[in-house]
Protein backbone atom coordinates (compact mmCIF):
# COMPACT_ATOMS: atom_id res chain seq x y z
CA MET A 1 173.44 182.14 81.06
CA LEU A 2 176.29 180.76 82.77
CA LEU A 3 177.22 181.77 86.12
CA GLY A 4 181.46 181.35 85.88
CA THR A 5 181.54 178.24 83.47
CA THR A 6 178.31 176.24 84.50
CA PRO A 7 175.54 176.31 83.00
CA ALA A 8 172.47 178.21 84.65
CA THR A 9 168.99 177.67 84.05
CA PHE A 10 166.98 179.81 82.80
CA THR A 11 163.42 181.82 82.12
CA VAL A 12 163.23 184.40 79.56
CA VAL A 13 160.22 186.68 81.27
CA SER A 14 160.50 189.47 78.99
CA ASP A 15 163.32 191.63 77.33
CA THR A 16 164.66 192.98 80.32
CA HIS A 17 163.62 190.77 83.09
CA VAL A 18 165.34 187.44 82.69
CA VAL A 19 165.00 184.67 86.02
CA ALA A 20 167.58 182.11 86.75
CA GLU A 21 168.50 179.15 88.88
CA ALA A 22 172.25 178.84 89.99
CA PRO A 23 173.66 176.09 90.04
CA PRO A 24 175.29 174.19 93.03
CA GLY A 25 178.56 175.44 93.43
CA ALA A 26 181.62 177.08 96.04
CA VAL A 27 180.75 180.43 98.09
CA GLY A 28 182.30 182.97 97.15
CA PRO A 29 181.55 185.67 94.03
CA VAL A 30 181.31 183.99 90.14
CA ASP A 31 180.57 186.02 87.06
CA VAL A 32 177.07 185.50 85.96
CA THR A 33 177.60 185.98 81.48
CA VAL A 34 174.24 186.59 79.35
CA VAL A 35 175.16 184.72 76.28
CA THR A 36 172.96 185.62 73.01
CA PRO A 37 173.00 184.55 69.11
CA GLY A 38 174.63 188.58 68.83
CA GLY A 39 177.38 187.84 71.62
CA THR A 40 177.99 187.72 74.81
CA SER A 41 177.25 190.24 78.11
CA ALA A 42 179.87 192.14 80.01
CA PRO A 43 180.63 189.61 82.73
CA ALA A 44 178.51 190.78 86.55
CA GLY A 45 179.43 189.73 89.76
CA TYR A 46 177.26 187.50 92.44
CA THR A 47 178.44 185.90 95.09
CA ARG A 48 176.97 182.82 96.05
CA VAL A 49 176.33 182.55 100.39
CA GLY A 50 176.24 179.38 102.69
CA ALA A 51 173.88 177.72 103.75
CA PRO A 52 172.02 179.41 107.04
CA ALA A 53 173.03 177.50 110.23
CA VAL A 54 169.68 176.73 112.06
């Protein structure tokens, strides 16, 4: 799994469910793709948000 061009740590829960930890990166939109031996998925949008203000 890639967020932009950065690999993400992930766990496969089932054939239709994957849980990923987003690596650090700039705030804003980034494409998410899943890479398997069968090919690469179409990109899906993800938006990184900044840390909450305290």
